């Protein structure tokens, strides 16, 4: 049996039409590339938020908590909450002041509906301490801070 080149071309063209053609393959490649770009962007933006949050915490500790010579042991991942009310924040502020976690009456960043939080395990001299810092949804500053019990 002899096969002509025109028959081979027809067969190939029929296969391309059945598979959706080169346009479908090109669009699926573009979709995968776009999806990869979005995932990369999400990873880098979360790293940026973490870097910003840690910077605010370090500044807050040196300026508002008057802590010097701090060893930062471990940072948690950034998490968020919608469950912290105004009255809970007020109680947190009072507790931080009465327990001398912060120095005197300080001005916090205004709260937002969604708050981000990061926990830090740190050491001062030979004491190991834990604190959770709450930041507004834009990572503009500290909304509240609380001391956590230290577990070994």
Protein backbone atom coordinates (compact mmCIF):
# COMPACT_ATOMS: atom_id res chain seq x y z
CA UNK A 1 0.00 0.00 0.00
CA UNK A 2 1.32 3.36 -1.01
CA UNK A 3 0.54 6.39 1.15
CA UNK A 4 0.66 9.77 -0.47
CA UNK A 5 1.99 12.78 1.38
CA UNK A 6 -1.36 14.56 0.95
CA UNK A 7 -3.07 11.72 2.86
CA UNK A 8 -0.53 12.04 5.68
CA UNK A 9 -1.16 15.80 5.86
CA UNK A 10 -4.93 15.23 5.99
CA UNK A 11 -4.51 12.71 8.78
CA UNK A 12 -2.32 15.13 10.77
CA UNK A 13 -4.74 18.01 10.22
CA UNK A 14 -7.62 15.84 11.45
CA UNK A 15 -5.66 14.97 14.61
CA UNK A 16 -4.87 18.64 15.28
CA UNK A 17 -8.55 19.57 14.89
CA UNK A 18 -9.58 16.79 17.31
CA UNK A 19 -7.01 17.86 19.94
CA UNK A 20 -8.10 21.47 19.83
CA UNK A 21 -5.36 22.68 17.56
CA UNK A 22 -2.26 24.72 18.28
CA UNK A 23 -4.38 27.62 19.63
CA UNK A 24 -5.62 25.50 22.55
CA UNK A 25 -2.11 24.31 23.37
CA UNK A 26 -0.82 27.89 23.29
CA UNK A 27 -3.62 29.16 25.55
CA UNK A 28 -3.07 26.34 28.06
CA UNK A 29 0.65 27.20 28.16
CA UNK A 30 -0.23 30.85 28.77
CA UNK A 31 -2.66 29.81 31.53
CA UNK A 32 0.02 27.71 33.24
CA UNK A 33 2.55 30.54 32.96
CA UNK A 34 0.02 33.01 34.40
CA UNK A 35 -0.81 30.65 37.26
CA UNK A 36 2.88 30.21 38.02
CA UNK A 37 3.37 33.99 38.04
CA UNK A 38 0.45 34.49 40.46
CA UNK A 39 1.77 31.83 42.84
CA UNK A 40 5.23 33.40 42.79
CA UNK A 41 3.70 36.82 43.44
CA UNK A 42 1.73 35.43 46.41
CA UNK A 43 4.86 33.89 47.93
CA UNK A 44 6.85 37.10 47.61
CA UNK A 45 4.05 39.30 48.97
CA UNK A 46 3.70 37.11 52.06
CA UNK A 47 7.47 37.34 52.57
CA UNK A 48 7.20 41.12 52.31
CA UNK A 49 4.42 41.21 54.92
CA UNK A 50 6.49 39.06 57.26
CA UNK A 51 9.50 41.32 56.81
CA UNK A 52 7.35 44.43 57.45
CA UNK A 53 5.71 42.90 60.54
CA UNK A 54 9.06 41.91 62.04
CA UNK A 55 10.37 45.43 61.45
CA UNK A 56 7.38 46.96 63.26
CA UNK A 57 7.79 44.54 66.16
CA UNK A 58 11.50 45.29 66.52
CA UNK A 59 10.82 49.04 66.44
CA UNK A 60 7.99 48.68 68.96
CA UNK A 61 10.17 46.66 71.31
CA UNK A 62 13.01 49.18 71.23
CA UNK A 63 10.84 52.33 71.41
CA UNK A 64 7.70 51.42 73.37
CA UNK A 65 8.91 48.51 75.48
CA UNK A 66 12.38 49.92 76.18
CA UNK A 67 14.03 46.57 75.59
CA UNK A 68 17.67 46.56 74.68
CA UNK A 69 20.03 43.71 73.96
CA UNK A 70 17.23 41.42 72.78
CA UNK A 71 17.99 38.05 71.20
CA UNK A 72 15.24 37.08 68.74
CA UNK A 73 14.89 33.30 69.06
CA UNK A 74 11.88 32.33 66.93
CA UNK A 75 9.15 34.06 64.94
CA UNK A 76 5.80 32.48 64.18
CA UNK A 77 4.15 32.67 60.80
CA UNK A 78 1.78 35.58 60.32
CA UNK A 79 -1.82 34.72 61.11
CA UNK A 80 -5.00 36.80 61.16
CA UNK A 81 -8.04 37.17 63.36
CA UNK A 82 -11.45 38.82 63.21
CA UNK A 83 -12.32 37.93 66.82
CA UNK A 84 -10.50 40.63 68.77
CA UNK A 85 -13.02 43.25 69.97
CA UNK A 86 -12.43 46.84 71.07
CA UNK A 87 -12.98 45.93 74.71
CA UNK A 88 -10.49 43.06 74.45
CA UNK A 89 -7.93 45.45 72.94
CA UNK A 90 -8.53 48.00 75.72
CA UNK A 91 -8.00 45.28 78.33
CA UNK A 92 -4.84 44.20 76.50
CA UNK A 93 -3.53 47.78 76.52
CA UNK A 94 -4.27 48.17 80.25
CA UNK A 95 -2.67 44.83 81.06
CA UNK A 96 0.46 45.71 79.05
CA UNK A 97 0.74 48.98 80.95
CA UNK A 98 0.08 47.60 84.47
CA UNK A 99 2.42 44.65 83.97
CA UNK A 100 5.07 47.07 82.66
CA UNK A 101 5.32 45.24 79.37
CA UNK A 102 5.23 48.69 77.76
CA UNK A 103 6.60 51.90 79.21
CA UNK A 104 3.78 54.21 80.26
CA UNK A 105 0.82 55.38 78.23
CA UNK A 106 1.58 54.75 74.56
CA UNK A 107 -0.24 55.40 71.30
CA UNK A 108 -1.12 52.30 69.29
CA UNK A 109 -2.04 52.05 65.62
CA UNK A 110 -5.85 52.28 65.12
CA UNK A 111 -7.53 48.88 64.84
CA UNK A 112 -9.08 47.44 61.71
CA UNK A 113 -11.72 44.71 61.40
CA UNK A 114 -9.11 42.12 60.44
CA UNK A 115 -5.93 42.03 62.52
CA UNK A 116 -2.70 40.25 61.68
CA UNK A 117 -0.66 38.68 64.44
CA UNK A 118 2.84 37.38 64.90
CA UNK A 119 4.33 35.70 67.97
CA UNK A 120 7.93 36.13 69.01
CA UNK A 121 10.06 34.07 71.35
CA UNK A 122 12.91 36.23 72.58
CA UNK A 123 15.57 36.34 75.29
CA UNK A 124 16.74 39.15 77.52
CA UNK A 125 19.83 38.23 79.50
CA UNK A 126 18.92 34.72 80.72
CA UNK A 127 15.12 35.08 80.58
CA UNK A 128 13.20 33.57 77.67
CA UNK A 129 9.90 35.33 76.96
CA UNK A 130 7.03 35.13 74.47
CA UNK A 131 4.79 37.90 73.18
CA UNK A 132 2.11 38.19 70.52
CA UNK A 133 1.92 41.40 68.52
CA UNK A 134 -1.24 42.45 66.68
CA UNK A 135 -0.94 44.59 63.54
CA UNK A 136 -3.59 46.28 61.43
CA UNK A 137 -4.63 44.75 58.11
CA UNK A 138 -2.25 46.98 56.09
CA UNK A 139 0.77 46.17 58.31
CA UNK A 140 1.10 49.88 59.16
CA UNK A 141 1.82 49.40 62.87
CA UNK A 142 1.16 47.62 66.18
CA UNK A 143 -2.46 47.61 67.39
CA UNK A 144 -1.79 45.66 70.59
CA UNK A 145 0.67 43.41 72.39
CA UNK A 146 0.30 40.69 74.98
CA UNK A 147 2.77 38.65 76.95
CA UNK A 148 2.38 34.89 76.66
CA UNK A 149 3.30 32.29 79.27
CA UNK A 150 6.66 30.72 78.51
CA UNK A 151 6.68 26.97 77.89
CA UNK A 152 9.79 24.89 77.61
